């Protein structure tokens, strides 16, 4: 009978030892009565060295604590069945998650607690992965909109208690949709990843309490706890600097800029929805103006967006109602002081809004796609006017027409230009299309279209040169005939040595590339004299004439050409 009892005891111990779960039993004083091999290995001990001892006894001879680090068991706990999940560190240093079932055992007058722990590390890792995916953006790995809303709500609760400020910084990439449309979504995804990494590095280095999120598309937001307006502006300026250098993708350099809007709790709102709306408003305020800048929210922006809504409404019927008019500004040869051409500039007079500035409605026209028909109207009208003056006996001269990036992206644009030239029967060499530096974002895809335009016989000029996307590598690739120096460098440059240096450098570069140079924004004798001295080719500005309606331009400038 003793042998049978021994064999049965041995069999039960083998069953317990072979069980992959961690099994152990402790009495009411925390002494181990039983354990299996899995549990002993987890603790890095031998079973014989642990039976009859408590965790404290075992740890006296060991630097490391036992994984579970059990405290002395209260007698009242011995009567309760429980299931818990806990994280433990094995003797090897590896972190494991276990689910432990604790069952009270009563034998005669003694009590003990049997514990069976199941390793649930893989399940926990899967749960953590699911939770991470729910709260993070799949492309960039940044926290997503859901996490942003949750974190903002928690920060607001703390700020209301502590009386501290919170800043919300919205960042949106300018013209990102065009990049996706022309270069493809894979390229756009690569660009978004690079942008997110630059922002993360900046925050890690200098703003460790801040967190960046990707809300979707090309929209990023940053939460900046305990921050004043001055702190926010400092961050915004450093964010802008991140985009000065191009992004290297597939061994090609691409340029993009951000528009940044900022709202601050409690000045700009005391709840999440209001703060988000106001930061978004400030960001779009920047986007509609010069882009590549930042703006703190102000109450005046509400009025601005009402006006924007009215402009968009009336803009849709402006062509139909014949509300547009072209003005013309003369361009002079600085060597001869004679008229060599003119720039056509659109003006809009609405019966309700009155005179609407181009910088107000052009951006809206681009956003809504109305720039396509408006741009065609400008091109047709300018060419028609030029031909009309020639028929009246005026010597042919060049007419410059501004073209937006959105027009260039129109698949039918080149055909439209060709049709207008043929229908008007104008010499294409007298037409100059002015494009902006923002075409640098589209790199190779834009060169083919520009070459097709050149093949029609027209000239191409880069407008506003030096203001945002300058890259000599692109400049050398584009089939340009001239550069137009932005007026921000020309106006008052006789009082600004830095602007003088920039203008001289641009002219020197242009000469090396065999390009003509036009300086716009010439408002005084000093500017005109300086440009003449440094061998600038052409100039325009208020010093010569403001933009004029067709009849006034003819009266003031075309007599000498008749």
Protein backbone atom coordinates (compact mmCIF):
# COMPACT_ATOMS: atom_id res chain seq x y z
CA UNK A 1 0.00 0.00 0.00
CA UNK A 2 2.87 2.34 0.78
CA UNK A 3 4.34 1.61 -2.63
CA UNK A 4 1.05 2.27 -4.32
CA UNK A 5 0.66 5.52 -2.40
CA UNK A 6 4.22 6.50 -3.37
CA UNK A 7 3.60 5.67 -7.03
CA UNK A 8 0.39 7.72 -6.97
CA UNK A 9 2.18 10.63 -5.29
CA UNK A 10 5.00 10.40 -7.85
CA UNK A 11 2.46 10.31 -10.71
CA UNK A 12 0.66 13.41 -9.43
CA UNK A 13 3.95 15.29 -9.09
CA UNK A 14 4.91 14.32 -12.63
CA UNK A 15 1.55 15.63 -13.86
CA UNK A 16 2.13 18.90 -12.01
CA UNK A 17 5.73 19.19 -13.24
CA UNK A 18 4.78 18.47 -16.84
CA UNK A 19 2.08 21.14 -16.71
CA UNK A 20 3.36 24.23 -18.58
CA UNK A 21 1.46 26.52 -16.21
CA UNK A 22 3.15 27.89 -13.11
CA UNK A 23 1.72 25.96 -10.12
CA UNK A 24 2.47 26.55 -6.45
CA UNK A 25 0.80 26.41 -3.05
CA UNK A 26 1.46 28.45 0.10
CA UNK A 27 0.23 28.16 3.64
CA UNK A 28 -1.27 31.01 5.65
CA UNK A 29 2.24 32.21 6.54
CA UNK A 30 3.35 32.36 2.90
CA UNK A 31 5.55 29.22 3.09
CA UNK A 32 5.72 27.18 -0.08
CA UNK A 33 4.10 23.77 0.33
CA UNK A 34 4.19 22.78 -3.30
CA UNK A 35 5.43 23.98 -6.68
CA UNK A 36 6.10 22.58 -10.12
CA UNK A 37 9.25 22.70 -12.21
CA UNK A 38 7.89 25.48 -14.47
CA UNK A 39 7.45 27.79 -11.49
CA UNK A 40 10.88 26.98 -10.06
CA UNK A 41 12.54 27.64 -13.42
CA UNK A 42 10.66 30.94 -13.72
CA UNK A 43 12.09 31.97 -10.35
CA UNK A 44 15.54 30.65 -11.23
CA UNK A 45 15.61 28.35 -8.19
CA UNK A 46 15.64 24.69 -7.27
CA UNK A 47 12.42 23.26 -5.84
CA UNK A 48 14.26 21.77 -2.86
CA UNK A 49 15.65 25.21 -1.94
CA UNK A 50 12.18 26.75 -1.86
CA UNK A 51 9.86 24.28 -0.13
CA UNK A 52 9.11 25.38 3.42
CA UNK A 53 10.36 28.94 2.82
CA UNK A 54 8.68 32.27 2.19
CA UNK A 55 9.65 34.72 -0.56
CA UNK A 56 11.44 36.82 2.06
CA UNK A 57 13.47 33.81 3.16
CA UNK A 58 14.43 33.06 -0.41
CA UNK A 59 15.33 36.67 -1.24
CA UNK A 60 17.69 37.00 1.73
CA UNK A 61 20.22 34.98 -0.20
CA UNK A 62 19.44 36.58 -3.58
CA UNK A 63 19.88 40.10 -4.99
CA UNK A 64 16.86 39.69 -7.27
CA UNK A 65 13.33 39.48 -6.01
CA UNK A 66 11.23 36.50 -6.95
CA UNK A 67 8.98 37.29 -9.91
CA UNK A 68 5.72 37.38 -7.97
CA UNK A 69 7.21 38.84 -4.77
CA UNK A 70 4.29 37.52 -2.71
CA UNK A 71 3.53 39.17 0.58
CA UNK A 72 2.47 37.21 3.66
CA UNK A 73 -1.00 35.83 3.00
CA UNK A 74 -3.83 37.25 5.10
CA UNK A 75 -5.97 34.53 6.62
CA UNK A 76 -9.17 36.08 5.25
CA UNK A 77 -7.79 35.81 1.68
CA UNK A 78 -7.51 32.06 2.07
CA UNK A 79 -11.28 31.77 1.93
CA UNK A 80 -11.69 33.60 -1.37
CA UNK A 81 -11.42 32.38 -4.96
CA UNK A 82 -9.81 34.99 -7.24
CA UNK A 83 -8.50 35.52 -10.77
CA UNK A 84 -5.98 38.28 -11.48
CA UNK A 85 -3.75 39.38 -14.35
CA UNK A 86 -0.28 40.62 -13.51
CA UNK A 87 3.03 41.50 -15.12
CA UNK A 88 6.08 39.70 -13.76
CA UNK A 89 9.80 39.78 -14.44
CA UNK A 90 11.36 36.33 -14.71
CA UNK A 91 14.74 35.52 -13.25
CA UNK A 92 16.14 35.92 -16.78
CA UNK A 93 14.97 39.56 -16.82
CA UNK A 94 12.23 38.88 -19.37
CA UNK A 95 8.85 40.49 -18.72
CA UNK A 96 5.89 38.08 -18.84
CA UNK A 97 2.17 38.51 -18.36
CA UNK A 98 0.24 35.80 -16.45
CA UNK A 99 -3.35 35.15 -15.46
CA UNK A 100 -3.40 33.59 -11.99
CA UNK A 101 -6.25 31.58 -10.51
CA UNK A 102 -6.02 31.35 -6.70
CA UNK A 103 -8.04 28.61 -4.99
CA UNK A 104 -8.32 28.21 -1.18
CA UNK A 105 -7.60 24.71 0.15
CA UNK A 106 -8.75 23.49 3.58
CA UNK A 107 -7.26 20.24 4.90
CA UNK A 108 -8.30 19.30 8.42
CA UNK A 109 -7.56 22.39 10.50
CA UNK A 110 -4.92 23.91 8.19
CA UNK A 111 -5.47 26.18 5.20
CA UNK A 112 -3.44 26.91 2.07
CA UNK A 113 -3.72 28.75 -1.20
CA UNK A 114 -3.21 26.95 -4.49
CA UNK A 115 -2.24 29.19 -7.44
CA UNK A 116 -2.18 28.26 -11.11
CA UNK A 117 -0.71 30.94 -13.43
CA UNK A 118 -1.15 30.78 -17.20
CA UNK A 119 1.27 32.66 -19.44
CA UNK A 120 -0.81 35.18 -21.45
CA UNK A 121 2.10 37.23 -22.82
CA UNK A 122 1.20 36.61 -26.48
CA UNK A 123 -2.42 37.52 -25.85
CA UNK A 124 -1.37 40.70 -24.06
CA UNK A 125 0.99 41.61 -26.87
CA UNK A 126 -1.84 41.10 -29.36
CA UNK A 127 -4.16 43.25 -27.23
CA UNK A 128 -1.48 45.93 -27.00
CA UNK A 129 -1.03 45.80 -30.78
CA UNK A 130 -4.78 46.17 -31.34
CA UNK A 131 -4.86 49.08 -28.89
CA UNK A 132 -1.85 50.69 -30.58
CA UNK A 133 -3.46 50.36 -34.00
CA UNK A 134 -6.68 51.91 -32.71
CA UNK A 135 -4.80 54.92 -31.35
CA UNK A 136 -2.02 55.38 -33.91
CA UNK A 137 -1.72 56.24 -37.57
CA UNK A 138 -0.79 53.21 -39.67
CA UNK A 139 1.45 55.19 -42.06
CA UNK A 140 3.57 57.35 -39.75
CA UNK A 141 3.13 55.58 -36.41
CA UNK A 142 2.08 58.87 -34.81
CA UNK A 143 -0.87 59.05 -32.41
CA UNK A 144 -4.08 59.59 -34.39
CA UNK A 145 -7.18 61.76 -34.09
CA UNK A 146 -8.74 59.47 -31.48
CA UNK A 147 -5.68 59.72 -29.23
CA UNK A 148 -5.48 63.48 -29.85
CA UNK A 149 -9.06 64.01 -28.67
CA UNK A 150 -8.49 61.84 -25.61
CA UNK A 151 -5.22 63.54 -24.67
CA UNK A 152 -6.66 67.02 -25.22
CA UNK A 153 -9.64 66.23 -22.97
CA UNK A 154 -7.31 64.98 -20.21
CA UNK A 155 -5.00 67.99 -20.51
CA UNK A 156 -7.94 70.39 -20.33
CA UNK A 157 -9.17 68.76 -17.12
CA UNK A 158 -5.74 69.18 -15.54
CA UNK A 159 -5.35 72.73 -16.86
CA UNK A 160 -8.68 73.79 -15.35
CA UNK A 161 -7.51 72.52 -11.96
CA UNK A 162 -3.97 73.96 -12.22
CA UNK A 163 -4.91 77.20 -13.99
CA UNK A 164 -2.33 76.53 -16.71
CA UNK A 165 -2.41 77.21 -20.46
CA UNK A 166 -2.47 74.69 -23.33
CA UNK A 167 -1.61 75.40 -26.95
CA UNK A 168 -2.99 73.55 -29.95
CA UNK A 169 -0.83 73.86 -33.06
CA UNK A 170 -2.40 72.83 -36.39
CA UNK A 171 -0.03 72.20 -39.30
CA UNK A 172 -1.21 71.57 -42.86
CA UNK A 173 1.04 71.02 -45.87
CA UNK A 174 0.54 73.54 -48.69
CA UNK A 175 -0.61 72.13 -52.06
CA UNK A 176 -0.18 68.54 -50.91
CA UNK A 177 -3.17 67.43 -52.99
CA UNK A 178 -1.35 68.50 -56.13
CA UNK A 179 1.61 66.33 -55.14
CA UNK A 180 -0.63 63.28 -54.74
CA UNK A 181 -2.36 64.02 -58.03
CA UNK A 182 0.82 64.44 -60.05
CA UNK A 183 3.43 62.23 -58.37
CA UNK A 184 1.14 59.56 -56.93
CA UNK A 185 0.01 58.51 -53.47
CA UNK A 186 3.10 56.37 -52.81
CA UNK A 187 5.27 59.46 -53.19
CA UNK A 188 2.86 61.44 -51.00
CA UNK A 189 3.08 58.75 -48.31
CA UNK A 190 6.89 58.89 -48.34
CA UNK A 191 6.74 62.67 -47.96
CA UNK A 192 4.32 62.43 -45.01
CA UNK A 193 6.63 59.96 -43.25
CA UNK A 194 9.63 62.27 -43.69
CA UNK A 195 7.64 65.28 -42.42
CA UNK A 196 6.50 63.37 -39.32
CA UNK A 197 10.08 62.28 -38.55
CA UNK A 198 11.40 65.85 -38.74
CA UNK A 199 8.69 67.11 -36.40
CA UNK A 200 9.28 64.24 -33.95
CA UNK A 201 13.02 64.97 -33.84
CA UNK A 202 12.40 68.66 -33.15
CA UNK A 203 9.98 67.93 -30.29
CA UNK A 204 12.26 65.29 -28.80
CA UNK A 205 15.21 67.70 -28.81
CA UNK A 206 13.53 70.89 -27.59
CA UNK A 207 9.87 70.33 -26.59
CA UNK A 208 9.78 67.05 -24.68
CA UNK A 209 6.39 67.73 -23.08
CA UNK A 210 4.79 68.22 -26.51
CA UNK A 211 3.20 65.48 -28.62
CA UNK A 212 2.58 65.44 -32.36
CA UNK A 213 -0.41 63.68 -33.93
CA UNK A 214 -1.48 62.96 -37.50
CA UNK A 215 -5.17 63.70 -37.85
CA UNK A 216 -5.37 62.38 -41.42
CA UNK A 217 -4.25 63.36 -44.90
CA UNK A 218 -1.59 66.06 -44.61
CA UNK A 219 -2.89 67.46 -41.32
CA UNK A 220 -0.72 67.30 -38.21
CA UNK A 221 -1.39 68.77 -34.79
CA UNK A 222 0.78 69.35 -31.73
CA UNK A 223 -0.34 69.63 -28.10
CA UNK A 224 1.90 71.91 -26.07
CA UNK A 225 1.06 71.86 -22.32
CA UNK A 226 1.83 74.81 -20.04
CA UNK A 227 2.65 77.12 -22.95
CA UNK A 228 2.26 80.85 -23.51
CA UNK A 229 1.78 82.69 -26.82
CA UNK A 230 5.51 83.37 -26.88
CA UNK A 231 6.29 79.67 -26.48
CA UNK A 232 3.93 78.79 -29.34
CA UNK A 233 5.43 81.36 -31.68
CA UNK A 234 8.90 80.01 -30.91
CA UNK A 235 7.78 76.49 -31.81
CA UNK A 236 5.98 77.70 -34.96
CA UNK A 237 9.13 79.49 -36.20
CA UNK A 238 11.22 76.38 -35.64
CA UNK A 239 8.62 74.26 -37.45
CA UNK A 240 8.84 76.58 -40.46
CA UNK A 241 12.62 76.19 -40.51
CA UNK A 242 12.20 72.42 -40.79
CA UNK A 243 10.83 72.94 -44.30
CA UNK A 244 13.55 75.26 -45.63
CA UNK A 245 15.56 72.27 -46.77
CA UNK A 246 14.04 70.02 -49.42
CA UNK A 247 12.94 66.43 -48.81
CA UNK A 248 15.10 63.81 -50.52
CA UNK A 249 12.89 61.07 -51.95
CA UNK A 250 14.12 58.57 -54.55
CA UNK A 251 17.34 60.61 -54.88
CA UNK A 252 15.36 63.72 -55.90
CA UNK A 253 14.88 66.83 -53.78
CA UNK A 254 11.34 68.15 -53.32
CA UNK A 255 10.13 71.27 -51.56
CA UNK A 256 6.94 71.79 -49.61
CA UNK A 257 5.83 74.36 -47.03
CA UNK A 258 3.41 74.34 -44.08
CA UNK A 259 0.60 76.60 -42.94
CA UNK A 260 0.36 76.73 -39.14
CA UNK A 261 -2.56 77.86 -36.95
CA UNK A 262 -2.50 78.16 -33.15
CA UNK A 263 -5.18 78.44 -30.46
CA UNK A 264 -4.52 78.71 -26.72
CA UNK A 265 -6.62 77.63 -23.72
CA UNK A 266 -8.32 79.46 -22.06
CA UNK A 267 -7.92 82.64 -24.17
CA UNK A 268 -9.31 81.13 -27.38
CA UNK A 269 -11.84 78.72 -25.86
CA UNK A 270 -12.48 76.59 -22.80
CA UNK A 271 -13.54 73.34 -24.48
CA UNK A 272 -11.91 70.98 -26.96
CA UNK A 273 -14.25 71.64 -29.90
CA UNK A 274 -13.85 75.43 -29.74
CA UNK A 275 -10.07 75.25 -29.44
CA UNK A 276 -9.83 72.83 -32.38
CA UNK A 277 -12.11 74.97 -34.54
CA UNK A 278 -10.14 78.14 -33.77
CA UNK A 279 -6.74 76.56 -34.44
CA UNK A 280 -8.14 75.26 -37.73
CA UNK A 281 -9.46 78.75 -38.55
CA UNK A 282 -6.05 80.33 -37.88
CA UNK A 283 -4.35 77.72 -40.06
CA UNK A 284 -6.69 78.35 -43.01
CA UNK A 285 -6.20 82.09 -42.51
CA UNK A 286 -2.50 81.53 -43.24
CA UNK A 287 -3.19 79.14 -46.12
CA UNK A 288 -5.36 81.70 -47.90
CA UNK A 289 -2.77 84.40 -47.66
CA UNK A 290 0.95 83.85 -48.15
CA UNK A 291 1.14 80.23 -46.88
CA UNK A 292 4.45 79.06 -45.39
CA UNK A 293 3.71 80.99 -42.19
CA UNK A 294 1.97 80.76 -38.82
CA UNK A 295 -0.87 82.66 -37.16
CA UNK A 296 -2.31 82.84 -33.66
CA UNK A 297 -6.10 82.84 -33.60
CA UNK A 298 -7.89 86.20 -33.29
CA UNK A 299 -11.59 87.01 -33.15
CA UNK A 300 -11.26 89.10 -36.33
CA UNK A 301 -10.78 85.89 -38.27
CA UNK A 302 -14.46 85.09 -37.87
CA UNK A 303 -15.31 88.16 -39.95
CA UNK A 304 -12.67 87.16 -42.48
CA UNK A 305 -14.26 83.77 -43.07
CA UNK A 306 -17.70 85.29 -43.52
CA UNK A 307 -16.24 87.52 -46.23
CA UNK A 308 -14.55 84.51 -47.78
CA UNK A 309 -17.87 82.71 -47.95
CA UNK A 310 -19.45 85.73 -49.70
CA UNK A 311 -16.52 86.00 -52.14
CA UNK A 312 -16.86 82.34 -53.08
CA UNK A 313 -20.61 82.72 -53.57
CA UNK A 314 -20.33 85.71 -55.92
CA UNK A 315 -17.21 84.43 -57.65
CA UNK A 316 -19.24 81.57 -59.14
CA UNK A 317 -21.31 84.01 -61.21
CA UNK A 318 -18.66 86.69 -61.84
CA UNK A 319 -17.72 85.48 -65.32
CA UNK A 320 -21.35 85.06 -66.32
CA UNK A 321 -22.14 88.58 -65.11
CA UNK A 322 -19.11 90.09 -66.88
CA UNK A 323 -17.66 91.47 -63.64
CA UNK A 324 -13.97 90.99 -64.46
CA UNK A 325 -11.70 93.49 -66.17
CA UNK A 326 -8.05 93.38 -67.16
CA UNK A 327 -5.65 96.15 -66.18
CA UNK A 328 -2.23 96.52 -67.77
CA UNK A 329 1.08 97.60 -66.23
CA UNK A 330 3.93 98.68 -68.52
CA UNK A 331 7.32 96.91 -68.53
CA UNK A 332 10.27 99.08 -69.58
CA UNK A 333 13.72 98.37 -70.96
CA UNK A 334 16.16 99.87 -68.44
CA UNK A 335 18.77 100.60 -71.12
CA UNK A 336 16.46 102.56 -73.43
CA UNK A 337 13.66 103.51 -71.02
CA UNK A 338 11.22 102.39 -73.71
CA UNK A 339 8.10 100.24 -73.39
CA UNK A 340 8.79 96.64 -74.38
CA UNK A 341 5.71 94.94 -72.95
CA UNK A 342 2.96 94.89 -70.35
CA UNK A 343 1.62 92.58 -67.67
CA UNK A 344 -2.10 91.82 -67.66
CA UNK A 345 -3.67 91.89 -64.19
CA UNK A 346 -7.24 90.87 -63.35
CA UNK A 347 -9.59 93.15 -61.40
CA UNK A 348 -13.04 92.26 -60.01
CA UNK A 349 -15.83 94.70 -59.24
CA UNK A 350 -18.92 93.08 -57.69
CA UNK A 351 -22.19 94.99 -57.16
CA UNK A 352 -22.41 93.80 -53.52
CA UNK A 353 -18.78 93.31 -52.44
CA UNK A 354 -17.40 96.24 -54.43
CA UNK A 355 -13.77 96.06 -55.57
CA UNK A 356 -12.32 92.71 -54.46
CA UNK A 357 -8.53 92.50 -54.30
CA UNK A 358 -6.85 89.77 -56.37
CA UNK A 359 -5.07 88.44 -53.27
CA UNK A 360 -8.52 87.84 -51.77
CA UNK A 361 -10.24 86.01 -54.61
CA UNK A 362 -7.42 84.28 -56.57
CA UNK A 363 -6.69 81.81 -53.74
CA UNK A 364 -10.42 81.02 -53.45
CA UNK A 365 -10.61 80.52 -57.22
CA UNK A 366 -7.73 78.05 -56.97
CA UNK A 367 -9.28 76.17 -54.05
CA UNK A 368 -12.64 75.81 -55.79
CA UNK A 369 -11.26 75.07 -59.27
CA UNK A 370 -12.79 78.26 -60.70
CA UNK A 371 -9.29 79.41 -61.63
CA UNK A 372 -9.49 77.18 -64.72
CA UNK A 373 -12.32 79.08 -66.51
CA UNK A 374 -11.14 82.43 -65.07
CA UNK A 375 -7.60 81.75 -66.30
CA UNK A 376 -8.91 80.93 -69.77
CA UNK A 377 -10.85 84.20 -69.78
CA UNK A 378 -7.70 86.16 -68.81
CA UNK A 379 -5.67 84.52 -71.56
CA UNK A 380 -8.32 85.07 -74.24
CA UNK A 381 -8.99 88.67 -73.19
CA UNK A 382 -5.32 89.67 -72.96
CA UNK A 383 -4.49 88.13 -76.36
CA UNK A 384 -7.59 89.66 -77.95
CA UNK A 385 -6.67 93.11 -76.57
CA UNK A 386 -3.11 92.85 -77.84
CA UNK A 387 -4.29 91.86 -81.31
CA UNK A 388 -6.85 94.68 -81.29
CA UNK A 389 -4.13 97.27 -80.56
CA UNK A 390 -1.94 95.85 -83.32
CA UNK A 391 -4.81 96.15 -85.79
CA UNK A 392 -5.09 99.82 -84.80
CA UNK A 393 -1.50 100.30 -85.92
CA UNK A 394 0.42 99.76 -82.69
CA UNK A 395 3.79 98.11 -83.09
CA UNK A 396 3.68 94.52 -81.73
CA UNK A 397 4.97 94.16 -78.18
CA UNK A 398 4.98 91.45 -75.55
CA UNK A 399 2.13 90.73 -73.15
CA UNK A 400 2.74 88.84 -69.90
CA UNK A 401 -0.05 86.66 -68.50
CA UNK A 402 0.01 85.00 -65.08
CA UNK A 403 -0.71 81.27 -64.95
CA UNK A 404 -1.46 79.38 -61.75
CA UNK A 405 -0.11 75.92 -60.91
CA UNK A 406 -3.65 74.56 -61.00
CA UNK A 407 -3.99 75.70 -64.62
CA UNK A 408 -0.70 74.00 -65.52
CA UNK A 409 -1.97 70.80 -63.90
CA UNK A 410 -5.06 70.87 -66.12
CA UNK A 411 -4.48 68.13 -68.77
CA UNK A 412 -6.07 70.35 -71.46
CA UNK A 413 -4.15 73.53 -70.66
CA UNK A 414 -1.62 73.32 -73.51
CA UNK A 415 -4.40 72.61 -76.00
CA UNK A 416 -6.39 75.61 -74.71
CA UNK A 417 -3.36 77.88 -75.18
CA UNK A 418 -2.76 76.54 -78.68
CA UNK A 419 -6.42 77.12 -79.66
CA UNK A 420 -6.42 80.69 -78.32
CA UNK A 421 -3.23 81.52 -80.28
CA UNK A 422 -4.61 80.05 -83.49
CA UNK A 423 -8.04 81.70 -83.17
CA UNK A 424 -6.51 85.13 -82.44
CA UNK A 425 -3.90 84.77 -85.18
CA UNK A 426 -1.25 86.28 -82.91
CA UNK A 427 2.50 85.77 -83.15
CA UNK A 428 3.15 83.42 -80.17
CA UNK A 429 6.55 85.03 -79.57
CA UNK A 430 4.67 88.06 -78.24
CA UNK A 431 3.10 86.00 -75.42
CA UNK A 432 4.87 85.45 -72.09
CA UNK A 433 3.34 83.07 -69.56
CA UNK A 434 4.41 83.85 -66.00
CA UNK A 435 4.66 80.79 -63.76
CA UNK A 436 5.53 80.64 -60.06
CA UNK A 437 8.29 78.85 -58.18
CA UNK A 438 5.72 76.46 -56.70
CA UNK A 439 6.13 74.29 -59.81
CA UNK A 440 9.30 73.05 -58.10
CA UNK A 441 7.08 70.74 -56.08
CA UNK A 442 6.21 68.81 -59.23
CA UNK A 443 9.75 68.45 -60.51
CA UNK A 444 10.05 66.25 -63.59
CA UNK A 445 6.30 66.04 -64.27
CA UNK A 446 6.15 69.79 -64.96
CA UNK A 447 9.13 69.97 -67.32
CA UNK A 448 7.40 68.02 -70.07
CA UNK A 449 4.39 70.37 -70.00
CA UNK A 450 6.59 73.48 -70.06
CA UNK A 451 8.46 72.11 -73.06
CA UNK A 452 5.16 71.60 -74.87
CA UNK A 453 4.25 75.24 -74.19
CA UNK A 454 7.66 76.38 -75.46
CA UNK A 455 7.08 74.34 -78.61
CA UNK A 456 4.09 76.59 -79.38
CA UNK A 457 6.54 79.51 -79.70
CA UNK A 458 5.64 81.36 -76.49
CA UNK A 459 8.07 82.54 -73.80
CA UNK A 460 8.14 81.45 -70.16
CA UNK A 461 9.03 83.61 -67.18
CA UNK A 462 9.36 82.61 -63.52
CA UNK A 463 7.37 85.06 -61.41
CA UNK A 464 8.09 86.07 -57.77
CA UNK A 465 11.54 84.50 -57.91
CA UNK A 466 13.23 84.01 -54.54
CA UNK A 467 10.14 83.80 -52.31
CA UNK A 468 9.77 80.16 -51.38
CA UNK A 469 10.75 77.31 -53.66
CA UNK A 470 14.02 78.51 -55.19
CA UNK A 471 16.23 75.69 -56.35
CA UNK A 472 19.03 76.19 -58.85
CA UNK A 473 18.81 72.52 -59.87
CA UNK A 474 15.22 73.04 -61.05
CA UNK A 475 15.92 76.45 -62.51
CA UNK A 476 18.50 74.95 -64.79
CA UNK A 477 16.08 72.25 -65.99
CA UNK A 478 13.08 74.43 -66.80
CA UNK A 479 12.88 75.95 -70.33
CA UNK A 480 12.68 79.53 -69.05
CA UNK A 481 13.39 82.78 -70.89
CA UNK A 482 13.34 85.20 -67.97
CA UNK A 483 13.08 85.66 -64.20
CA UNK A 484 10.97 88.23 -62.42
CA UNK A 485 12.48 89.32 -59.11
CA UNK A 486 9.80 89.51 -56.42
CA UNK A 487 8.85 93.02 -55.37
CA UNK A 488 9.54 92.21 -51.69
CA UNK A 489 13.28 92.35 -52.55
CA UNK A 490 13.05 95.38 -54.85
CA UNK A 491 10.85 97.81 -52.88
CA UNK A 492 13.05 99.95 -50.66
CA UNK A 493 16.18 97.93 -51.42
CA UNK A 494 18.26 101.13 -51.51
CA UNK A 495 17.75 101.16 -47.73
CA UNK A 496 18.42 97.43 -47.25
CA UNK A 497 21.88 96.07 -48.04
CA UNK A 498 20.69 92.47 -47.68
CA UNK A 499 18.00 92.90 -50.32
CA UNK A 500 20.50 94.65 -52.56
CA UNK A 501 22.79 91.63 -52.30
CA UNK A 502 19.91 89.25 -53.06
CA UNK A 503 18.92 91.23 -56.18
CA UNK A 504 22.51 91.38 -57.42
CA UNK A 505 22.90 87.62 -56.87
CA UNK A 506 19.67 86.78 -58.73
CA UNK A 507 20.77 88.93 -61.69
CA UNK A 508 24.21 87.28 -61.72
CA UNK A 509 22.64 83.81 -61.68
CA UNK A 510 20.23 84.76 -64.47
CA UNK A 511 23.05 86.06 -66.64
CA UNK A 512 24.96 82.80 -66.20
CA UNK A 513 21.85 80.88 -67.30
CA UNK A 514 21.27 83.27 -70.22
CA UNK A 515 17.97 84.51 -68.77
CA UNK A 516 16.53 88.03 -68.93
CA UNK A 517 15.62 89.69 -65.62
CA UNK A 518 12.54 91.78 -64.82
CA UNK A 519 12.37 93.64 -61.51
CA UNK A 520 8.86 94.35 -60.24
CA UNK A 521 7.90 96.76 -57.48
CA UNK A 522 10.11 99.66 -58.62
CA UNK A 523 8.66 102.61 -56.73
CA UNK A 524 11.39 105.26 -56.71
CA UNK A 525 14.32 106.78 -58.53
CA UNK A 526 16.87 105.12 -56.24
CA UNK A 527 15.61 101.63 -57.07
CA UNK A 528 15.46 102.38 -60.80
CA UNK A 529 19.00 103.82 -60.74
CA UNK A 530 20.45 100.88 -58.79
CA UNK A 531 18.84 98.30 -61.10
CA UNK A 532 20.20 100.11 -64.13
CA UNK A 533 23.70 100.14 -62.62
CA UNK A 534 23.73 96.37 -61.92
CA UNK A 535 22.61 95.52 -65.47
CA UNK A 536 19.01 94.49 -64.81
CA UNK A 537 17.20 94.15 -68.15
CA UNK A 538 13.61 95.27 -67.52
CA UNK A 539 11.50 96.82 -64.76
CA UNK A 540 7.92 97.61 -63.78
CA UNK A 541 6.34 99.36 -60.83
CA UNK A 542 4.59 102.47 -59.57
CA UNK A 543 7.65 104.58 -60.43
CA UNK A 544 6.62 104.16 -64.07
CA UNK A 545 2.89 103.51 -63.76
CA UNK A 546 0.21 101.75 -61.76
CA UNK A 547 -1.80 99.04 -63.56
CA UNK A 548 -4.26 100.84 -65.85
CA UNK A 549 -7.54 99.99 -67.60
CA UNK A 550 -7.13 99.23 -71.32
CA UNK A 551 -8.23 102.70 -72.51
CA UNK A 552 -5.96 104.54 -70.08
CA UNK A 553 -3.02 102.29 -70.93
CA UNK A 554 -3.55 102.99 -74.62
CA UNK A 555 -3.76 106.74 -74.02
CA UNK A 556 -0.67 106.91 -71.77
CA UNK A 557 1.66 104.34 -73.26
CA UNK A 558 0.80 103.23 -76.78
CA UNK A 559 1.10 106.55 -78.58
CA UNK A 560 4.87 106.18 -78.78
CA UNK A 561 4.45 102.78 -80.46
CA UNK A 562 1.98 103.98 -83.11
